[in-house]
Amino acid sequence: MENQAKINAATDELAVLEFEIDALQSAHGLPVDEDDLAAKQRRALALYAELKQLRNTPAAPQG
């Protein structure tokens, strides 16, 4: 169950990051904080890796 909670939290954070990254990338000519964009992209990549690892980890037996 702890594993599922971590997956849920990472998925939620990733959804927010993807929204923020999309907003920054489609700034329609407005100045973009490239450092902020890069930091969000790095965090998103780290979350993708974390999710892959969590999903490949067998669930602990309940009981």
PDB file of N, CA and C in Angstrom:
ATOM      1  N   MET A   1       0.823  -1.193   0.000  1.00  0.00           N
ATOM      2  CA  MET A   1       0.000   0.000   0.000  1.00  0.00           C
ATOM      3  C   MET A   1       0.869   1.259   0.000  1.00  0.00           C
ATOM      4  N   GLU A   2       1.992   1.195   0.728  1.00  0.00           N
ATOM      5  CA  GLU A   2       2.902   2.339   0.766  1.00  0.00           C
ATOM      6  C   GLU A   2       3.417   2.651  -0.636  1.00  0.00           C
ATOM      7  N   ASN A   3       3.703   1.604  -1.402  1.00  0.00           N
ATOM      8  CA  ASN A   3       4.172   1.766  -2.770  1.00  0.00           C
ATOM      9  C   ASN A   3       3.118   2.489  -3.614  1.00  0.00           C
ATOM     10  N   GLN A   4       1.860   2.126  -3.451  1.00  0.00           N
ATOM     11  CA  GLN A   4       0.786   2.761  -4.213  1.00  0.00           C
ATOM     12  C   GLN A   4       0.651   4.229  -3.835  1.00  0.00           C
ATOM     13  N   ALA A   5       0.840   4.553  -2.573  1.00  0.00           N
ATOM     14  CA  ALA A   5       0.771   5.951  -2.133  1.00  0.00           C
ATOM     15  C   ALA A   5       1.886   6.769  -2.776  1.00  0.00           C
ATOM     16  N   LYS A   6       3.075   6.183  -2.888  1.00  0.00           N
ATOM     17  CA  LYS A   6       4.196   6.872  -3.541  1.00  0.00           C
ATOM     18  C   LYS A   6       3.908   7.067  -5.025  1.00  0.00           C
ATOM     19  N   ILE A   7       3.332   6.053  -5.662  1.00  0.00           N
ATOM     20  CA  ILE A   7       2.974   6.159  -7.079  1.00  0.00           C
ATOM     21  C   ILE A   7       1.945   7.266  -7.275  1.00  0.00           C
ATOM     22  N   ASN A   8       0.944   7.301  -6.417  1.00  0.00           N
ATOM     23  CA  ASN A   8      -0.094   8.331  -6.523  1.00  0.00           C
ATOM     24  C   ASN A   8       0.488   9.726  -6.352  1.00  0.00           C
ATOM     25  N   ALA A   9       1.361   9.908  -5.360  1.00  0.00           N
ATOM     26  CA  ALA A   9       1.959  11.220  -5.107  1.00  0.00           C
ATOM     27  C   ALA A   9       2.831  11.657  -6.281  1.00  0.00           C
ATOM     28  N   ALA A  10       3.632  10.741  -6.813  1.00  0.00           N
ATOM     29  CA  ALA A  10       4.495  11.068  -7.947  1.00  0.00           C
ATOM     30  C   ALA A  10       3.666  11.384  -9.187  1.00  0.00           C
ATOM     31  N   THR A  11       2.592  10.638  -9.397  1.00  0.00           N
ATOM     32  CA  THR A  11       1.711  10.883 -10.543  1.00  0.00           C
ATOM     33  C   THR A  11       1.048  12.250 -10.435  1.00  0.00           C
ATOM     34  N   ASP A  12       0.601  12.601  -9.241  1.00  0.00           N
ATOM     35  CA  ASP A  12      -0.019  13.912  -9.034  1.00  0.00           C
ATOM     36  C   ASP A  12       0.976  15.037  -9.293  1.00  0.00           C
ATOM     37  N   GLU A  13       2.185  14.904  -8.743  1.00  0.00           N
ATOM     38  CA  GLU A  13       3.202  15.937  -8.945  1.00  0.00           C
ATOM     39  C   GLU A  13       3.564  16.050 -10.421  1.00  0.00           C
ATOM     40  N   LEU A  14       3.657  14.920 -11.095  1.00  0.00           N
ATOM     41  CA  LEU A  14       3.997  14.915 -12.513  1.00  0.00           C
ATOM     42  C   LEU A  14       2.921  15.613 -13.341  1.00  0.00           C
ATOM     43  N   ALA A  15       1.670  15.404 -13.007  1.00  0.00           N
ATOM     44  CA  ALA A  15       0.578  16.059 -13.737  1.00  0.00           C
ATOM     45  C   ALA A  15       0.685  17.577 -13.619  1.00  0.00           C
ATOM     46  N   VAL A  16       0.987  18.063 -12.427  1.00  0.00           N
ATOM     47  CA  VAL A  16       1.140  19.508 -12.221  1.00  0.00           C
ATOM     48  C   VAL A  16       2.340  20.024 -13.010  1.00  0.00           C
ATOM     49  N   LEU A  17       3.449  19.307 -12.940  1.00  0.00           N
ATOM     50  CA  LEU A  17       4.643  19.721 -13.675  1.00  0.00           C
ATOM     51  C   LEU A  17       4.397  19.759 -15.179  1.00  0.00           C
ATOM     52  N   GLU A  18       3.715  18.753 -15.704  1.00  0.00           N
ATOM     53  CA  GLU A  18       3.430  18.735 -17.141  1.00  0.00           C
ATOM     54  C   GLU A  18       2.594  19.937 -17.546  1.00  0.00           C
ATOM     55  N   PHE A  19       1.629  20.310 -16.723  1.00  0.00           N
ATOM     56  CA  PHE A  19       0.807  21.488 -16.996  1.00  0.00           C
ATOM     57  C   PHE A  19       1.677  22.744 -16.988  1.00  0.00           C
ATOM     58  N   GLU A  20       2.534  22.881 -15.975  1.00  0.00           N
ATOM     59  CA  GLU A  20       3.397  24.059 -15.870  1.00  0.00           C
ATOM     60  C   GLU A  20       4.396  24.130 -17.020  1.00  0.00           C
ATOM     61  N   ILE A  21       4.957  22.982 -17.408  1.00  0.00           N
ATOM     62  CA  ILE A  21       5.902  22.948 -18.526  1.00  0.00           C
ATOM     63  C   ILE A  21       5.201  23.355 -19.816  1.00  0.00           C
ATOM     64  N   ASP A  22       4.014  22.823 -20.059  1.00  0.00           N
ATOM     65  CA  ASP A  22       3.251  23.203 -21.253  1.00  0.00           C
ATOM     66  C   ASP A  22       2.979  24.697 -21.270  1.00  0.00           C
ATOM     67  N   ALA A  23       2.607  25.251 -20.125  1.00  0.00           N
ATOM     68  CA  ALA A  23       2.322  26.685 -20.045  1.00  0.00           C
ATOM     69  C   ALA A  23       3.574  27.503 -20.346  1.00  0.00           C
ATOM     70  N   LEU A  24       4.705  27.092 -19.807  1.00  0.00           N
ATOM     71  CA  LEU A  24       5.949  27.822 -20.064  1.00  0.00           C
ATOM     72  C   LEU A  24       6.371  27.709 -21.524  1.00  0.00           C
ATOM     73  N   GLN A  25       6.186  26.536 -22.120  1.00  0.00           N
ATOM     74  CA  GLN A  25       6.610  26.336 -23.503  1.00  0.00           C
ATOM     75  C   GLN A  25       5.710  27.055 -24.502  1.00  0.00           C
ATOM     76  N   SER A  26       4.492  27.344 -24.125  1.00  0.00           N
ATOM     77  CA  SER A  26       3.581  28.042 -25.037  1.00  0.00           C
ATOM     78  C   SER A  26       3.307  29.446 -24.515  1.00  0.00           C
ATOM     79  N   ALA A  27       4.372  30.166 -24.202  1.00  0.00           N
ATOM     80  CA  ALA A  27       4.257  31.498 -23.608  1.00  0.00           C
ATOM     81  C   ALA A  27       3.809  32.549 -24.624  1.00  0.00           C
ATOM     82  N   HIS A  28       3.648  32.179 -25.882  1.00  0.00           N
ATOM     83  CA  HIS A  28       3.142  33.072 -26.930  1.00  0.00           C
ATOM     84  C   HIS A  28       3.912  34.385 -26.978  1.00  0.00           C
ATOM     85  N   GLY A  29       5.240  34.276 -27.058  1.00  0.00           N
ATOM     86  CA  GLY A  29       6.073  35.455 -27.213  1.00  0.00           C
ATOM     87  C   GLY A  29       6.469  36.138 -25.920  1.00  0.00           C
ATOM     88  N   LEU A  30       5.908  35.703 -24.817  1.00  0.00           N
ATOM     89  CA  LEU A  30       6.274  36.292 -23.533  1.00  0.00           C
ATOM     90  C   LEU A  30       7.624  35.732 -23.086  1.00  0.00           C
ATOM     91  N   PRO A  31       8.343  36.488 -22.274  1.00  0.00           N
ATOM     92  CA  PRO A  31       9.631  35.973 -21.789  1.00  0.00           C
ATOM     93  C   PRO A  31       9.440  34.690 -20.970  1.00  0.00           C
ATOM     94  N   VAL A  32      10.340  33.756 -21.156  1.00  0.00           N
ATOM     95  CA  VAL A  32      10.276  32.477 -20.449  1.00  0.00           C
ATOM     96  C   VAL A  32      11.492  32.369 -19.534  1.00  0.00           C
ATOM     97  N   ASP A  33      11.253  31.983 -18.298  1.00  0.00           N
ATOM     98  CA  ASP A  33      12.351  31.738 -17.362  1.00  0.00           C
ATOM     99  C   ASP A  33      12.940  30.374 -17.712  1.00  0.00           C
ATOM    100  N   GLU A  34      14.018  30.393 -18.486  1.00  0.00           N
ATOM    101  CA  GLU A  34      14.621  29.149 -18.979  1.00  0.00           C
ATOM    102  C   GLU A  34      15.121  28.265 -17.840  1.00  0.00           C
ATOM    103  N   ASP A  35      15.624  28.882 -16.773  1.00  0.00           N
ATOM    104  CA  ASP A  35      16.097  28.091 -15.630  1.00  0.00           C
ATOM    105  C   ASP A  35      14.937  27.363 -14.959  1.00  0.00           C
ATOM    106  N   ASP A  36      13.808  28.056 -14.813  1.00  0.00           N
ATOM    107  CA  ASP A  36      12.621  27.443 -14.211  1.00  0.00           C
ATOM    108  C   ASP A  36      12.116  26.298 -15.086  1.00  0.00           C
ATOM    109  N   LEU A  37      12.071  26.543 -16.380  1.00  0.00           N
ATOM    110  CA  LEU A  37      11.629  25.504 -17.317  1.00  0.00           C
ATOM    111  C   LEU A  37      12.547  24.288 -17.238  1.00  0.00           C
ATOM    112  N   ALA A  38      13.848  24.523 -17.248  1.00  0.00           N
ATOM    113  CA  ALA A  38      14.808  23.414 -17.186  1.00  0.00           C
ATOM    114  C   ALA A  38      14.678  22.643 -15.874  1.00  0.00           C
ATOM    115  N   ALA A  39      14.479  23.358 -14.776  1.00  0.00           N
ATOM    116  CA  ALA A  39      14.329  22.693 -13.475  1.00  0.00           C
ATOM    117  C   ALA A  39      13.076  21.820 -13.454  1.00  0.00           C
ATOM    118  N   LYS A  40      11.989  22.329 -14.009  1.00  0.00           N
ATOM    119  CA  LYS A  40      10.743  21.560 -14.053  1.00  0.00           C
ATOM    120  C   LYS A  40      10.906  20.326 -14.951  1.00  0.00           C
ATOM    121  N   GLN A  41      11.604  20.490 -16.062  1.00  0.00           N
ATOM    122  CA  GLN A  41      11.835  19.358 -16.956  1.00  0.00           C
ATOM    123  C   GLN A  41      12.705  18.293 -16.290  1.00  0.00           C
ATOM    124  N   ARG A  42      13.733  18.725 -15.563  1.00  0.00           N
ATOM    125  CA  ARG A  42      14.585  17.761 -14.853  1.00  0.00           C
ATOM    126  C   ARG A  42      13.785  17.015 -13.789  1.00  0.00           C
ATOM    127  N   ARG A  43      12.949  17.740 -13.049  1.00  0.00           N
ATOM    128  CA  ARG A  43      12.136  17.102 -12.007  1.00  0.00           C
ATOM    129  C   ARG A  43      11.158  16.108 -12.638  1.00  0.00           C
ATOM    130  N   ALA A  44      10.571  16.482 -13.775  1.00  0.00           N
ATOM    131  CA  ALA A  44       9.641  15.580 -14.461  1.00  0.00           C
ATOM    132  C   ALA A  44      10.358  14.301 -14.895  1.00  0.00           C
ATOM    133  N   LEU A  45      11.563  14.435 -15.428  1.00  0.00           N
ATOM    134  CA  LEU A  45      12.322  13.245 -15.827  1.00  0.00           C
ATOM    135  C   LEU A  45      12.637  12.364 -14.622  1.00  0.00           C
ATOM    136  N   ALA A  46      12.979  12.991 -13.505  1.00  0.00           N
ATOM    137  CA  ALA A  46      13.251  12.224 -12.285  1.00  0.00           C
ATOM    138  C   ALA A  46      11.995  11.489 -11.825  1.00  0.00           C
ATOM    139  N   LEU A  47      10.845  12.142 -11.937  1.00  0.00           N
ATOM    140  CA  LEU A  47       9.591  11.503 -11.541  1.00  0.00           C
ATOM    141  C   LEU A  47       9.235  10.341 -12.463  1.00  0.00           C
ATOM    142  N   TYR A  48       9.476  10.507 -13.770  1.00  0.00           N
ATOM    143  CA  TYR A  48       9.236   9.393 -14.696  1.00  0.00           C
ATOM    144  C   TYR A  48      10.086   8.186 -14.296  1.00  0.00           C
ATOM    145  N   ALA A  49      11.358   8.429 -13.974  1.00  0.00           N
ATOM    146  CA  ALA A  49      12.247   7.336 -13.566  1.00  0.00           C
ATOM    147  C   ALA A  49      11.770   6.711 -12.257  1.00  0.00           C
ATOM    148  N   GLU A  50      11.358   7.550 -11.313  1.00  0.00           N
ATOM    149  CA  GLU A  50      10.860   7.047 -10.030  1.00  0.00           C
ATOM    150  C   GLU A  50       9.602   6.206 -10.226  1.00  0.00           C
ATOM    151  N   LEU A  51       8.698   6.682 -11.067  1.00  0.00           N
ATOM    152  CA  LEU A  51       7.470   5.929 -11.327  1.00  0.00           C
ATOM    153  C   LEU A  51       7.769   4.585 -11.980  1.00  0.00           C
ATOM    154  N   LYS A  52       8.700   4.579 -12.916  1.00  0.00           N
ATOM    155  CA  LYS A  52       9.067   3.318 -13.570  1.00  0.00           C
ATOM    156  C   LYS A  52       9.591   2.329 -12.537  1.00  0.00           C
ATOM    157  N   GLN A  53      10.447   2.812 -11.642  1.00  0.00           N
ATOM    158  CA  GLN A  53      11.001   1.943 -10.605  1.00  0.00           C
ATOM    159  C   GLN A  53       9.906   1.462  -9.655  1.00  0.00           C
ATOM    160  N   LEU A  54       9.039   2.370  -9.226  1.00  0.00           N
ATOM    161  CA  LEU A  54       7.969   1.997  -8.299  1.00  0.00           C
ATOM    162  C   LEU A  54       7.017   0.980  -8.920  1.00  0.00           C
ATOM    163  N   ARG A  55       6.708   1.159 -10.185  1.00  0.00           N
ATOM    164  CA  ARG A  55       5.772   0.244 -10.851  1.00  0.00           C
ATOM    165  C   ARG A  55       6.383  -1.131 -11.083  1.00  0.00           C
ATOM    166  N   ASN A  56       7.709  -1.194 -11.135  1.00  0.00           N
ATOM    167  CA  ASN A  56       8.384  -2.477 -11.336  1.00  0.00           C
ATOM    168  C   ASN A  56       8.745  -3.161 -10.023  1.00  0.00           C
ATOM    169  N   THR A  57       8.453  -2.504  -8.904  1.00  0.00           N
ATOM    170  CA  THR A  57       8.726  -3.081  -7.588  1.00  0.00           C
ATOM    171  C   THR A  57       7.525  -3.908  -7.158  1.00  0.00           C
ATOM    172  N   PRO A  58       7.730  -5.170  -6.839  1.00  0.00           N
ATOM    173  CA  PRO A  58       6.591  -5.988  -6.402  1.00  0.00           C
ATOM    174  C   PRO A  58       6.008  -5.450  -5.096  1.00  0.00           C
ATOM    175  N   ALA A  59       4.719  -5.529  -4.984  1.00  0.00           N
ATOM    176  CA  ALA A  59       4.032  -5.074  -3.771  1.00  0.00           C
ATOM    177  C   ALA A  59       4.390  -5.995  -2.612  1.00  0.00           C
ATOM    178  N   ALA A  60       4.531  -5.388  -1.449  1.00  0.00           N
ATOM    179  CA  ALA A  60       4.818  -6.174  -0.242  1.00  0.00           C
ATOM    180  C   ALA A  60       3.581  -6.983   0.127  1.00  0.00           C
ATOM    181  N   PRO A  61       3.780  -8.190   0.613  1.00  0.00           N
ATOM    182  CA  PRO A  61       2.619  -9.004   1.009  1.00  0.00           C
ATOM    183  C   PRO A  61       1.842  -8.342   2.143  1.00  0.00           C
ATOM    184  N   GLN A  62       0.540  -8.387   2.048  1.00  0.00           N
ATOM    185  CA  GLN A  62      -0.329  -7.814   3.085  1.00  0.00           C
ATOM    186  C   GLN A  62      -0.630  -8.882   4.126  1.00  0.00           C
ATOM    187  N   GLY A  63      -0.680  -8.441   5.374  1.00  0.00           N
ATOM    188  CA  GLY A  63      -1.065  -9.437   6.352  1.00  0.00           C
ATOM    189  C   GLY A  63      -0.433  -9.277   7.617  1.00  0.00           C
TER     190      GLY A  63
END
